[in-house]
């Protein structure tokens, strides 16, 4: 999907040794959260404009489908029976009001018909398949690590040197995450977003309350009790911080 269509966008800038371990960690994280992950483009190095530099672009697409529950069938049945009862009573009144005003029974008949039709619609409603999409882009530039060793770091220089020596490069990375929840279409698209509220896209479905997703209470399985959502941006930040090098 076109990134511009996603309702929520996150951006993080950081310095890492090599982008490949970060890419694999983000892929593993999404898979652990129940997403089907398509590694669209691993971050392969391409020669940069300046000697000793390389650019890269990587992309991951995470797709997580779940079912929105049908409306309360008990409520639908109650509306249907109420509508039938009201309509039947109004028919009797119409029969008895041959010589009197039939306006009230006529209006009651309309109300009963509406209730019966609404209840029938709720009983016939089928579960809808919803989809959470998380599209992750990694882009940036890599260069030889010699310059990084020559600078002073305010962080832990030992940890930085170990990671830099292992990869031989330093990379400035921008991580861009597009996220949203919508009505599933095809294998990895939606035909309309459920909501444009950022908290809908950023709260993980396995720990979100129906209210946070703007869904009816029966939209989530009964065993998923409401609790504080594990926000996607917070979890991604935790993953990213594991690979971030101290700024020189």
Protein backbone atom coordinates (compact mmCIF):
# COMPACT_ATOMS: atom_id res chain seq x y z
CA UNK A 1 0.00 0.00 0.00
CA UNK A 2 1.00 3.61 -0.51
CA UNK A 3 2.68 4.78 2.74
CA UNK A 4 0.81 8.08 2.49
CA UNK A 5 -2.46 6.20 3.07
CA UNK A 6 -1.49 4.88 6.50
CA UNK A 7 -3.12 6.81 9.36
CA UNK A 8 -0.08 6.59 11.68
CA UNK A 9 3.61 7.24 11.00
CA UNK A 10 6.63 6.98 13.34
CA UNK A 11 10.22 8.06 12.69
CA UNK A 12 13.36 7.24 14.62
CA UNK A 13 16.95 8.31 13.78
CA UNK A 14 19.84 6.37 15.29
CA UNK A 15 23.42 5.20 14.77
CA UNK A 16 24.12 1.47 14.68
CA UNK A 17 26.97 -0.74 13.57
CA UNK A 18 25.32 -2.68 10.74
CA UNK A 19 21.66 -2.36 9.69
CA UNK A 20 21.19 -6.09 9.05
CA UNK A 21 21.01 -7.19 12.74
CA UNK A 22 18.49 -4.41 13.46
CA UNK A 23 16.43 -5.50 10.45
CA UNK A 24 16.38 -9.13 11.65
CA UNK A 25 15.49 -8.08 15.21
CA UNK A 26 12.51 -6.05 13.98
CA UNK A 27 11.39 -9.01 11.87
CA UNK A 28 11.66 -11.37 14.84
CA UNK A 29 9.75 -8.93 17.05
CA UNK A 30 6.81 -8.67 14.66
CA UNK A 31 6.68 -12.45 14.23
CA UNK A 32 6.66 -12.92 18.01
CA UNK A 33 3.71 -10.52 18.21
CA UNK A 34 1.68 -12.71 15.85
CA UNK A 35 2.30 -10.89 12.56
CA UNK A 36 2.87 -12.63 9.27
CA UNK A 37 6.05 -10.86 8.16
CA UNK A 38 7.07 -10.40 4.55
CA UNK A 39 10.73 -9.27 4.26
CA UNK A 40 10.08 -7.13 1.21
CA UNK A 41 13.63 -5.81 0.88
CA UNK A 42 16.62 -6.75 3.06
CA UNK A 43 18.98 -3.77 3.52
CA UNK A 44 21.63 -4.59 0.91
CA UNK A 45 24.58 -2.18 0.65
CA UNK A 46 25.05 -0.09 -2.47
CA UNK A 47 28.06 2.09 -3.19
CA UNK A 48 27.50 5.67 -2.07
CA UNK A 49 28.39 8.93 -3.77
CA UNK A 50 31.45 9.41 -1.53
CA UNK A 51 34.37 6.94 -1.36
CA UNK A 52 34.12 4.52 1.54
CA UNK A 53 30.37 4.97 1.98
CA UNK A 54 27.37 2.84 1.11
CA UNK A 55 23.63 3.45 1.17
CA UNK A 56 20.90 0.94 2.00
CA UNK A 57 17.13 0.61 2.00
CA UNK A 58 15.22 -2.15 3.76
CA UNK A 59 11.52 -2.87 4.15
CA UNK A 60 9.40 -5.21 6.28
CA UNK A 61 5.65 -5.64 6.06
CA UNK A 62 3.80 -7.16 9.02
CA UNK A 63 0.20 -8.36 8.55
CA UNK A 64 -2.00 -9.47 11.45
CA UNK A 65 -5.60 -10.53 10.82
CA UNK A 66 -8.29 -10.91 13.46
CA UNK A 67 -12.07 -11.16 13.51
CA UNK A 68 -14.47 -8.50 14.67
CA UNK A 69 -17.30 -10.21 16.51
CA UNK A 70 -20.87 -10.01 15.33
CA UNK A 71 -23.39 -7.80 17.17
CA UNK A 72 -24.99 -9.23 20.30
CA UNK A 73 -27.34 -11.97 19.07
CA UNK A 74 -29.41 -11.84 22.25
CA UNK A 75 -30.08 -8.16 21.65
CA UNK A 76 -30.95 -8.88 18.01
CA UNK A 77 -33.40 -11.60 19.00
CA UNK A 78 -35.00 -9.31 21.60
CA UNK A 79 -35.44 -6.54 19.02
CA UNK A 80 -36.94 -8.99 16.52
CA UNK A 81 -39.45 -10.38 19.03
CA UNK A 82 -40.33 -6.88 20.28
CA UNK A 83 -40.88 -5.67 16.75
CA UNK A 84 -43.11 -8.62 15.92
CA UNK A 85 -45.08 -8.13 19.16
CA UNK A 86 -45.60 -4.41 18.54
CA UNK A 87 -46.59 -4.99 14.93
CA UNK A 88 -49.10 -7.69 15.91
CA UNK A 89 -50.62 -5.44 18.57
CA UNK A 90 -50.92 -2.58 16.10
CA UNK A 91 -52.63 -4.83 13.55
CA UNK A 92 -55.22 -5.74 16.19
CA UNK A 93 -55.73 -2.05 16.99
CA UNK A 94 -56.13 -1.24 13.31
CA UNK A 95 -58.80 -3.90 13.00
CA UNK A 96 -60.60 -2.52 16.04
CA UNK A 97 -60.25 1.11 14.93
CA UNK A 98 -62.39 0.90 11.81
CA UNK A 99 -64.50 3.83 12.94
CA UNK A 100 -61.81 5.67 15.00
CA UNK A 101 -58.44 7.32 14.39
CA UNK A 102 -55.95 4.84 12.92
CA UNK A 103 -52.90 7.15 13.07
CA UNK A 104 -51.42 5.76 16.29
CA UNK A 105 -51.71 2.07 15.25
CA UNK A 106 -50.19 2.94 11.87
CA UNK A 107 -47.20 4.62 13.47
CA UNK A 108 -46.80 1.72 15.90
CA UNK A 109 -46.83 -0.70 12.98
CA UNK A 110 -43.98 1.23 11.34
CA UNK A 111 -41.96 1.21 14.59
CA UNK A 112 -42.54 -2.52 15.02
CA UNK A 113 -41.41 -3.16 11.46
CA UNK A 114 -38.22 -1.16 11.99
CA UNK A 115 -37.40 -3.04 15.20
CA UNK A 116 -38.03 -6.39 13.54
CA UNK A 117 -35.88 -5.49 10.53
CA UNK A 118 -33.02 -4.25 12.73
CA UNK A 119 -33.11 -7.37 14.88
CA UNK A 120 -33.13 -9.60 11.80
CA UNK A 121 -30.12 -7.72 10.41
CA UNK A 122 -28.15 -8.24 13.63
CA UNK A 123 -28.96 -11.94 13.67
CA UNK A 124 -27.76 -12.32 10.08
CA UNK A 125 -24.58 -10.25 10.53
CA UNK A 126 -21.35 -12.18 9.92
CA UNK A 127 -17.99 -11.54 11.62
CA UNK A 128 -15.79 -9.04 9.79
CA UNK A 129 -12.12 -9.69 9.16
CA UNK A 130 -9.96 -6.83 10.37
CA UNK A 131 -6.28 -6.35 9.61
CA UNK A 132 -3.40 -4.59 11.32
CA UNK A 133 -0.64 -3.48 8.98
CA UNK A 134 2.86 -2.44 10.09
CA UNK A 135 5.15 -1.32 7.27
CA UNK A 136 8.76 -0.72 8.39
CA UNK A 137 11.42 1.05 6.33
CA UNK A 138 15.14 1.24 7.16
CA UNK A 139 17.21 3.69 5.14
CA UNK A 140 20.53 5.36 5.66
CA UNK A 141 24.25 5.41 5.01
CA UNK A 142 27.13 3.24 6.20
CA UNK A 143 30.83 4.10 6.36
CA UNK A 144 34.08 2.67 7.70
CA UNK A 145 34.36 2.58 11.46
CA UNK A 146 37.83 4.10 11.73
CA UNK A 147 36.48 7.62 12.10
CA UNK A 148 34.14 6.54 14.87
CA UNK A 149 37.02 5.08 16.93
CA UNK A 150 38.93 8.34 16.69
CA UNK A 151 36.13 10.33 18.36
CA UNK A 152 35.21 10.59 22.02
CA UNK A 153 31.93 9.06 23.16
CA UNK A 154 29.75 10.15 26.04
CA UNK A 155 28.37 6.63 26.35
CA UNK A 156 30.00 3.27 26.88
CA UNK A 157 33.05 3.25 24.53
CA UNK A 158 33.84 -0.40 25.19
CA UNK A 159 30.43 -1.60 24.06
CA UNK A 160 30.59 0.66 21.02
CA UNK A 161 34.03 -0.62 19.97
CA UNK A 162 32.93 -4.24 20.30
CA UNK A 163 29.96 -3.75 18.00
CA UNK A 164 31.91 -1.63 15.54
CA UNK A 165 34.82 -4.07 15.33
CA UNK A 166 32.44 -6.97 14.78
CA UNK A 167 30.80 -5.31 11.76
CA UNK A 168 33.61 -3.06 10.57
CA UNK A 169 31.16 -0.24 9.77
CA UNK A 170 29.02 2.44 11.35
CA UNK A 171 25.55 3.23 9.97
CA UNK A 172 23.27 6.21 10.36
CA UNK A 173 19.73 4.82 10.08
CA UNK A 174 16.28 6.29 9.84
CA UNK A 175 13.56 3.82 10.86
CA UNK A 176 10.11 4.78 9.56
CA UNK A 177 7.06 2.81 10.68
CA UNK A 178 3.65 3.11 9.04
CA UNK A 179 0.80 1.47 10.94
CA UNK A 180 -2.96 1.15 10.83
CA UNK A 181 -5.98 -1.11 11.41
CA UNK A 182 -8.59 -1.58 8.70
CA UNK A 183 -10.99 -3.95 6.99
CA UNK A 184 -9.01 -6.74 5.34
CA UNK A 185 -8.84 -6.99 1.58
CA UNK A 186 -6.80 -9.54 -0.35
CA UNK A 187 -3.65 -10.84 1.32
CA UNK A 188 -1.99 -7.66 2.56
CA UNK A 189 -4.26 -4.66 1.97
CA UNK A 190 -7.28 -2.97 3.54
CA UNK A 191 -10.32 -1.40 1.91
CA UNK A 192 -10.79 1.21 4.62
CA UNK A 193 -9.15 2.19 7.91
CA UNK A 194 -11.01 1.41 11.11
CA UNK A 195 -9.93 4.64 12.78
CA UNK A 196 -7.41 7.43 12.33
CA UNK A 197 -6.60 7.59 16.04
CA UNK A 198 -2.89 6.79 16.58
CA UNK A 199 -3.62 4.70 19.69
CA UNK A 200 -5.65 2.28 17.55
CA UNK A 201 -2.70 1.49 15.30
CA UNK A 202 -0.08 1.54 18.06
CA UNK A 203 -1.78 -0.63 20.70
CA UNK A 204 -1.17 -4.34 20.18
CA UNK A 205 -4.38 -6.28 19.53
CA UNK A 206 -3.56 -9.04 22.01
CA UNK A 207 -3.64 -6.62 24.93
CA UNK A 208 -5.96 -3.83 23.89
CA UNK A 209 -9.37 -3.07 25.30
CA UNK A 210 -12.33 -2.82 22.88
CA UNK A 211 -12.70 0.83 23.86
CA UNK A 212 -9.14 1.61 22.72
CA UNK A 213 -9.92 0.16 19.31
CA UNK A 214 -13.32 1.86 19.01
CA UNK A 215 -14.91 -1.60 18.74
CA UNK A 216 -17.92 -3.08 20.50
CA UNK A 217 -17.12 -5.22 23.52
CA UNK A 218 -17.77 -8.43 21.60
CA UNK A 219 -15.27 -7.53 18.87
CA UNK A 220 -12.46 -9.27 20.75
CA UNK A 221 -12.43 -12.85 22.06
CA UNK A 222 -13.93 -13.23 25.52
CA UNK A 223 -10.64 -14.38 27.09
CA UNK A 224 -8.92 -11.10 26.17
CA UNK A 225 -9.70 -8.96 29.18
CA UNK A 226 -9.16 -5.19 28.95
CA UNK A 227 -5.79 -4.03 30.23
CA UNK A 228 -3.25 -1.35 29.52
CA UNK A 229 -2.14 -1.71 25.89
CA UNK A 230 1.43 -2.66 25.03
CA UNK A 231 2.10 0.17 22.60
CA UNK A 232 3.87 -0.71 19.39
CA UNK A 233 6.03 2.43 19.42
CA UNK A 234 7.31 1.70 22.93
CA UNK A 235 8.22 -1.86 22.04
CA UNK A 236 9.94 -0.78 18.82
CA UNK A 237 11.95 1.81 20.74
CA UNK A 238 13.10 -0.92 23.13
CA UNK A 239 14.30 -3.04 20.18
CA UNK A 240 16.06 -0.09 18.54
CA UNK A 241 17.88 0.93 21.73
CA UNK A 242 19.57 -2.47 21.88
CA UNK A 243 21.47 -1.65 18.69
CA UNK A 244 22.02 2.09 19.09
CA UNK A 245 25.62 3.27 19.36
CA UNK A 246 26.52 6.20 21.61
CA UNK A 247 26.73 9.52 19.82
CA UNK A 248 30.32 10.75 19.36
